[in-house]
């Protein structure tokens, strides 16, 4: 799967893996009543959502020298967040979130531009 396409719990899972940590999904992630936007990914019993929470994603961005900028040029109706990792020629982007762009850049800096489609974690959202 292309890192550029990662989002939500799947992106958070790969951030944890890129940090060298075990990643486990909550048994509640597959509940149909949860909205598709719900982040129910958990690590060590606590919700781990660095792609949505600055208190978790911000330090990852700082430690890994990830540069984030906003580009509203190029004739697009809506601008785009760009993220680059120091000493890495991969750039990651997201239309809505600097954190998503930053976490994608972090994952790409560790794993390259793609990760295995099937992570082997039961209940991983598709």
N, C-alpha and C. Protein backbone atom coordinates (compact mmCIF):
# COMPACT_ATOMS: atom_id res chain seq x y z
N UNK A 1 0.85 -1.17 0.00
CA UNK A 1 0.00 0.00 0.00
C UNK A 1 0.90 1.24 0.00
N UNK A 2 0.56 2.22 -0.80
CA UNK A 2 1.33 3.46 -0.86
C UNK A 2 1.18 4.22 0.46
N UNK A 3 2.29 4.70 0.99
CA UNK A 3 2.26 5.49 2.22
C UNK A 3 1.37 6.72 2.02
N UNK A 4 1.38 7.28 0.82
CA UNK A 4 0.58 8.46 0.51
C UNK A 4 -0.92 8.20 0.69
N UNK A 5 -1.33 6.93 0.67
CA UNK A 5 -2.75 6.59 0.82
C UNK A 5 -3.13 6.20 2.24
N UNK A 6 -2.17 6.13 3.15
CA UNK A 6 -2.47 5.77 4.54
C UNK A 6 -3.23 6.89 5.23
N UNK A 7 -4.20 6.50 6.06
CA UNK A 7 -4.93 7.48 6.87
C UNK A 7 -5.55 6.78 8.07
N UNK A 8 -6.03 7.57 9.01
CA UNK A 8 -6.73 7.04 10.18
C UNK A 8 -5.93 6.01 10.96
N UNK A 9 -6.61 4.98 11.49
CA UNK A 9 -5.93 3.97 12.31
C UNK A 9 -4.80 3.25 11.58
N UNK A 10 -4.94 3.06 10.27
CA UNK A 10 -3.89 2.39 9.51
C UNK A 10 -2.62 3.23 9.51
N UNK A 11 -2.74 4.54 9.32
CA UNK A 11 -1.57 5.42 9.37
C UNK A 11 -0.98 5.41 10.77
N UNK A 12 -1.82 5.51 11.79
CA UNK A 12 -1.32 5.51 13.17
C UNK A 12 -0.60 4.20 13.50
N UNK A 13 -1.13 3.09 12.99
CA UNK A 13 -0.47 1.80 13.18
C UNK A 13 0.94 1.83 12.61
N UNK A 14 1.10 2.34 11.38
CA UNK A 14 2.42 2.37 10.75
C UNK A 14 3.35 3.38 11.39
N UNK A 15 2.80 4.44 11.98
CA UNK A 15 3.64 5.36 12.76
C UNK A 15 4.24 4.61 13.95
N UNK A 16 3.40 3.86 14.65
CA UNK A 16 3.90 3.09 15.80
C UNK A 16 4.98 2.10 15.36
N UNK A 17 4.74 1.42 14.25
CA UNK A 17 5.74 0.48 13.72
C UNK A 17 7.03 1.20 13.35
N UNK A 18 6.91 2.38 12.75
CA UNK A 18 8.10 3.16 12.37
C UNK A 18 8.88 3.60 13.60
N UNK A 19 8.19 3.73 14.72
CA UNK A 19 8.84 4.08 15.99
C UNK A 19 9.47 2.86 16.64
N UNK A 20 9.29 1.69 16.02
CA UNK A 20 9.86 0.46 16.56
C UNK A 20 9.05 -0.12 17.70
N UNK A 21 7.78 0.22 17.76
CA UNK A 21 6.94 -0.25 18.86
C UNK A 21 5.94 -1.26 18.37
N UNK A 22 5.51 -2.13 19.29
CA UNK A 22 4.43 -3.05 18.97
C UNK A 22 3.15 -2.23 18.81
N UNK A 23 2.32 -2.66 17.89
CA UNK A 23 1.06 -1.97 17.64
C UNK A 23 -0.08 -2.97 17.73
N UNK A 24 -1.09 -2.62 18.49
CA UNK A 24 -2.23 -3.51 18.70
C UNK A 24 -3.51 -2.71 18.54
N UNK A 25 -4.46 -3.26 17.81
CA UNK A 25 -5.75 -2.60 17.68
C UNK A 25 -6.67 -2.98 18.83
N UNK A 26 -7.48 -2.03 19.22
CA UNK A 26 -8.49 -2.31 20.24
C UNK A 26 -9.50 -3.31 19.69
N UNK A 27 -10.04 -4.15 20.54
CA UNK A 27 -11.06 -5.10 20.10
C UNK A 27 -12.34 -4.40 19.70
N UNK A 28 -12.44 -3.11 20.00
CA UNK A 28 -13.65 -2.36 19.67
C UNK A 28 -13.60 -1.71 18.30
N UNK A 29 -12.50 -1.83 17.60
CA UNK A 29 -12.36 -1.15 16.31
C UNK A 29 -13.35 -1.62 15.26
N UNK A 30 -13.84 -2.85 15.37
CA UNK A 30 -14.72 -3.36 14.33
C UNK A 30 -16.20 -3.17 14.65
N UNK A 31 -16.52 -2.39 15.65
CA UNK A 31 -17.93 -2.15 15.98
C UNK A 31 -18.58 -1.32 14.88
N UNK A 32 -19.70 -1.78 14.33
CA UNK A 32 -20.34 -1.07 13.22
C UNK A 32 -20.89 0.30 13.62
N UNK A 33 -21.18 0.51 14.91
CA UNK A 33 -21.75 1.79 15.31
C UNK A 33 -20.71 2.92 15.37
N UNK A 34 -19.43 2.56 15.29
CA UNK A 34 -18.41 3.60 15.27
C UNK A 34 -18.41 4.28 13.91
N UNK A 35 -18.34 5.63 13.89
CA UNK A 35 -18.25 6.30 12.59
C UNK A 35 -16.93 5.95 11.92
N UNK A 36 -16.90 6.01 10.60
CA UNK A 36 -15.69 5.63 9.87
C UNK A 36 -14.52 6.53 10.23
N UNK A 37 -14.80 7.73 10.74
CA UNK A 37 -13.73 8.66 11.10
C UNK A 37 -13.16 8.38 12.50
N UNK A 38 -13.76 7.44 13.24
CA UNK A 38 -13.31 7.17 14.61
C UNK A 38 -11.92 6.55 14.61
N UNK A 39 -11.06 7.08 15.46
CA UNK A 39 -9.74 6.49 15.62
C UNK A 39 -9.76 5.67 16.89
N UNK A 40 -9.81 4.37 16.73
CA UNK A 40 -9.88 3.50 17.89
C UNK A 40 -8.61 2.66 18.02
N UNK A 41 -7.59 3.02 17.26
CA UNK A 41 -6.30 2.35 17.36
C UNK A 41 -5.74 2.60 18.74
N UNK A 42 -5.18 1.56 19.35
CA UNK A 42 -4.63 1.72 20.70
C UNK A 42 -3.24 1.13 20.77
N UNK A 43 -2.42 1.73 21.62
CA UNK A 43 -1.10 1.19 21.92
C UNK A 43 -0.93 1.30 23.42
N UNK A 44 -0.55 0.22 24.06
CA UNK A 44 -0.39 0.18 25.51
C UNK A 44 -1.66 0.62 26.23
N UNK A 45 -2.82 0.29 25.68
CA UNK A 45 -4.08 0.58 26.32
C UNK A 45 -4.58 2.00 26.14
N UNK A 46 -3.77 2.90 25.63
CA UNK A 46 -4.18 4.28 25.44
C UNK A 46 -4.41 4.54 23.96
N UNK A 47 -5.31 5.44 23.66
CA UNK A 47 -5.53 5.80 22.26
C UNK A 47 -4.27 6.44 21.72
N UNK A 48 -3.78 5.94 20.61
CA UNK A 48 -2.59 6.46 19.95
C UNK A 48 -3.02 6.96 18.58
N UNK A 49 -3.10 8.26 18.42
CA UNK A 49 -3.54 8.82 17.14
C UNK A 49 -2.68 10.03 16.77
N UNK A 50 -1.40 9.79 16.46
CA UNK A 50 -0.52 10.91 16.14
C UNK A 50 -0.91 11.64 14.86
N UNK A 51 -1.73 11.03 14.02
CA UNK A 51 -2.16 11.72 12.81
C UNK A 51 -3.34 12.67 13.08
N UNK A 52 -3.84 12.66 14.32
CA UNK A 52 -4.94 13.56 14.69
C UNK A 52 -4.65 14.39 15.94
N UNK A 53 -3.64 14.00 16.70
CA UNK A 53 -3.37 14.64 17.99
C UNK A 53 -1.99 15.28 17.99
N UNK A 54 -1.94 16.61 18.06
CA UNK A 54 -0.65 17.31 18.03
C UNK A 54 0.26 16.93 19.19
N UNK A 55 -0.33 16.62 20.35
CA UNK A 55 0.50 16.25 21.50
C UNK A 55 1.28 14.96 21.23
N UNK A 56 0.79 14.11 20.34
CA UNK A 56 1.48 12.87 19.99
C UNK A 56 2.29 13.03 18.71
N UNK A 57 1.71 13.64 17.68
CA UNK A 57 2.38 13.79 16.40
C UNK A 57 3.42 14.89 16.37
N UNK A 58 3.19 15.96 17.12
CA UNK A 58 4.13 17.10 17.14
C UNK A 58 5.55 16.71 17.54
N UNK A 59 5.71 15.97 18.65
CA UNK A 59 7.06 15.55 19.03
C UNK A 59 7.73 14.64 17.99
N UNK A 60 6.95 13.82 17.29
CA UNK A 60 7.51 12.97 16.24
C UNK A 60 8.04 13.86 15.11
N UNK A 61 7.28 14.88 14.76
CA UNK A 61 7.70 15.82 13.72
C UNK A 61 8.99 16.53 14.13
N UNK A 62 9.03 16.99 15.38
CA UNK A 62 10.22 17.72 15.86
C UNK A 62 11.45 16.82 15.93
N UNK A 63 11.31 15.64 16.50
CA UNK A 63 12.45 14.72 16.65
C UNK A 63 13.04 14.28 15.32
N UNK A 64 12.20 14.16 14.32
CA UNK A 64 12.63 13.63 13.03
C UNK A 64 12.88 14.71 11.98
N UNK A 65 12.93 15.98 12.43
CA UNK A 65 13.24 17.11 11.56
C UNK A 65 12.36 17.13 10.32
N UNK A 66 11.06 16.96 10.53
CA UNK A 66 10.10 16.97 9.43
C UNK A 66 9.66 18.41 9.20
N UNK A 67 9.85 18.88 7.96
CA UNK A 67 9.43 20.23 7.59
C UNK A 67 8.04 20.16 6.98
N UNK A 68 7.16 21.04 7.43
CA UNK A 68 5.79 21.07 6.93
C UNK A 68 5.50 22.46 6.39
N UNK A 69 4.90 22.51 5.22
CA UNK A 69 4.53 23.80 4.63
C UNK A 69 3.16 23.67 3.97
N UNK A 70 2.54 24.83 3.75
CA UNK A 70 1.23 24.86 3.10
C UNK A 70 1.38 25.53 1.75
N UNK A 71 0.84 24.89 0.72
CA UNK A 71 0.95 25.41 -0.65
C UNK A 71 -0.45 25.65 -1.19
N UNK A 72 -0.78 26.91 -1.44
CA UNK A 72 -2.09 27.22 -2.01
C UNK A 72 -1.96 27.71 -3.45
N UNK A 73 -0.85 27.40 -4.08
CA UNK A 73 -0.60 27.80 -5.46
C UNK A 73 -0.93 26.66 -6.43
N UNK A 74 -0.80 26.93 -7.70
CA UNK A 74 -0.94 25.88 -8.70
C UNK A 74 -2.34 25.69 -9.23
N UNK A 75 -3.24 26.65 -8.99
CA UNK A 75 -4.57 26.58 -9.57
C UNK A 75 -5.51 25.58 -8.92
N UNK A 76 -5.10 25.01 -7.79
CA UNK A 76 -6.01 24.08 -7.10
C UNK A 76 -7.08 24.88 -6.36
N UNK A 77 -8.24 24.29 -6.28
CA UNK A 77 -9.34 24.92 -5.55
C UNK A 77 -9.02 25.04 -4.07
N UNK A 78 -8.27 24.08 -3.58
CA UNK A 78 -7.92 24.02 -2.17
C UNK A 78 -6.42 23.76 -2.06
N UNK A 79 -5.79 24.34 -1.09
CA UNK A 79 -4.36 24.14 -0.91
C UNK A 79 -4.02 22.75 -0.41
N UNK A 80 -2.72 22.52 -0.22
CA UNK A 80 -2.24 21.21 0.19
C UNK A 80 -1.11 21.37 1.19
N UNK A 81 -1.09 20.50 2.21
CA UNK A 81 0.01 20.44 3.16
C UNK A 81 1.09 19.53 2.59
N UNK A 82 2.34 19.96 2.67
CA UNK A 82 3.49 19.19 2.20
C UNK A 82 4.39 18.91 3.39
N UNK A 83 4.95 17.71 3.45
CA UNK A 83 5.88 17.36 4.53
C UNK A 83 7.10 16.67 3.95
N UNK A 84 8.27 17.08 4.43
CA UNK A 84 9.55 16.52 3.99
C UNK A 84 10.34 16.11 5.22
N UNK A 85 11.06 15.02 5.11
CA UNK A 85 11.94 14.58 6.19
C UNK A 85 13.36 14.94 5.81
N UNK A 86 14.10 15.50 6.75
CA UNK A 86 15.50 15.86 6.55
C UNK A 86 16.27 14.65 6.00
N UNK A 87 17.07 14.87 4.96
CA UNK A 87 17.89 13.82 4.33
C UNK A 87 17.07 12.69 3.70
N UNK A 88 15.87 13.00 3.26
CA UNK A 88 15.03 12.00 2.60
C UNK A 88 14.38 12.68 1.40
N UNK A 89 14.47 12.08 0.22
CA UNK A 89 13.91 12.75 -0.95
C UNK A 89 12.43 12.47 -1.16
N UNK A 90 11.75 11.87 -0.22
CA UNK A 90 10.32 11.64 -0.35
C UNK A 90 9.54 12.80 0.24
N UNK A 91 8.50 13.23 -0.46
CA UNK A 91 7.61 14.25 0.05
C UNK A 91 6.23 13.62 0.21
N UNK A 92 5.55 13.92 1.28
CA UNK A 92 4.19 13.42 1.49
C UNK A 92 3.25 14.60 1.58
N UNK A 93 1.99 14.37 1.19
CA UNK A 93 1.04 15.47 1.13
C UNK A 93 -0.32 15.04 1.69
N UNK A 94 -1.10 16.06 2.08
CA UNK A 94 -2.49 15.85 2.43
C UNK A 94 -3.22 17.16 2.22
N UNK A 95 -4.46 17.09 1.73
CA UNK A 95 -5.22 18.30 1.48
C UNK A 95 -5.71 18.98 2.75
N UNK A 96 -5.96 18.22 3.82
CA UNK A 96 -6.61 18.78 4.99
C UNK A 96 -5.76 18.91 6.24
N UNK A 97 -4.72 18.11 6.37
CA UNK A 97 -4.06 18.04 7.66
C UNK A 97 -2.53 18.04 7.57
N UNK A 98 -1.92 18.96 8.29
CA UNK A 98 -0.47 18.98 8.40
C UNK A 98 0.03 17.75 9.14
N UNK A 99 -0.73 17.29 10.13
CA UNK A 99 -0.33 16.10 10.89
C UNK A 99 -0.33 14.85 10.03
N UNK A 100 -1.34 14.68 9.20
CA UNK A 100 -1.38 13.52 8.32
C UNK A 100 -0.19 13.55 7.37
N UNK A 101 0.08 14.70 6.77
CA UNK A 101 1.23 14.82 5.87
C UNK A 101 2.53 14.50 6.62
N UNK A 102 2.66 15.02 7.83
CA UNK A 102 3.86 14.78 8.63
C UNK A 102 4.04 13.33 9.02
N UNK A 103 2.96 12.67 9.41
CA UNK A 103 3.05 11.26 9.80
C UNK A 103 3.33 10.38 8.59
N UNK A 104 2.75 10.73 7.43
CA UNK A 104 3.07 9.98 6.22
C UNK A 104 4.55 10.13 5.88
N UNK A 105 5.08 11.33 6.03
CA UNK A 105 6.50 11.56 5.74
C UNK A 105 7.37 10.74 6.70
N UNK A 106 6.98 10.68 7.96
CA UNK A 106 7.73 9.90 8.94
C UNK A 106 7.74 8.42 8.57
N UNK A 107 6.57 7.87 8.26
CA UNK A 107 6.47 6.46 7.87
C UNK A 107 7.30 6.21 6.61
N UNK A 108 7.21 7.10 5.64
CA UNK A 108 7.96 6.93 4.39
C UNK A 108 9.47 6.99 4.63
N UNK A 109 9.89 7.78 5.60
CA UNK A 109 11.33 7.88 5.87
C UNK A 109 11.89 6.58 6.44
N UNK A 110 11.03 5.77 7.06
CA UNK A 110 11.46 4.50 7.64
C UNK A 110 11.25 3.33 6.66
N UNK A 111 10.09 3.31 6.01
CA UNK A 111 9.72 2.15 5.19
C UNK A 111 9.79 2.39 3.68
N UNK A 112 10.05 3.61 3.24
CA UNK A 112 9.99 3.90 1.81
C UNK A 112 8.59 4.32 1.42
N UNK A 113 8.30 4.30 0.11
CA UNK A 113 7.02 4.84 -0.34
C UNK A 113 5.85 3.87 -0.24
N UNK A 114 6.08 2.64 0.26
CA UNK A 114 4.96 1.72 0.44
C UNK A 114 5.20 0.80 1.64
N UNK A 115 4.09 0.28 2.16
CA UNK A 115 4.11 -0.67 3.27
C UNK A 115 3.26 -1.87 2.86
N UNK A 116 3.43 -3.02 3.50
CA UNK A 116 2.60 -4.18 3.13
C UNK A 116 1.11 -3.88 3.29
N UNK A 117 0.34 -4.31 2.32
CA UNK A 117 -1.12 -4.10 2.35
C UNK A 117 -1.74 -4.77 3.57
N UNK A 118 -1.37 -6.02 3.83
CA UNK A 118 -1.90 -6.77 4.95
C UNK A 118 -0.86 -6.75 6.06
N UNK A 119 -1.12 -5.98 7.08
CA UNK A 119 -0.16 -5.85 8.16
C UNK A 119 -0.16 -7.06 9.09
N UNK A 120 -1.13 -7.95 8.96
CA UNK A 120 -1.20 -9.11 9.81
C UNK A 120 -1.82 -8.84 11.16
N UNK A 121 -2.41 -7.67 11.33
CA UNK A 121 -3.06 -7.32 12.60
C UNK A 121 -4.55 -7.61 12.47
N UNK A 122 -5.09 -8.51 13.30
CA UNK A 122 -6.52 -8.81 13.22
C UNK A 122 -7.34 -7.54 13.47
N UNK A 123 -8.37 -7.36 12.64
CA UNK A 123 -9.25 -6.23 12.81
C UNK A 123 -8.77 -4.94 12.20
N UNK A 124 -7.63 -4.95 11.50
CA UNK A 124 -7.13 -3.72 10.88
C UNK A 124 -8.15 -3.24 9.85
N UNK A 125 -8.58 -1.99 9.95
CA UNK A 125 -9.54 -1.48 8.97
C UNK A 125 -8.95 -1.53 7.57
N UNK A 126 -9.76 -1.88 6.61
CA UNK A 126 -9.31 -1.93 5.21
C UNK A 126 -9.37 -0.57 4.59
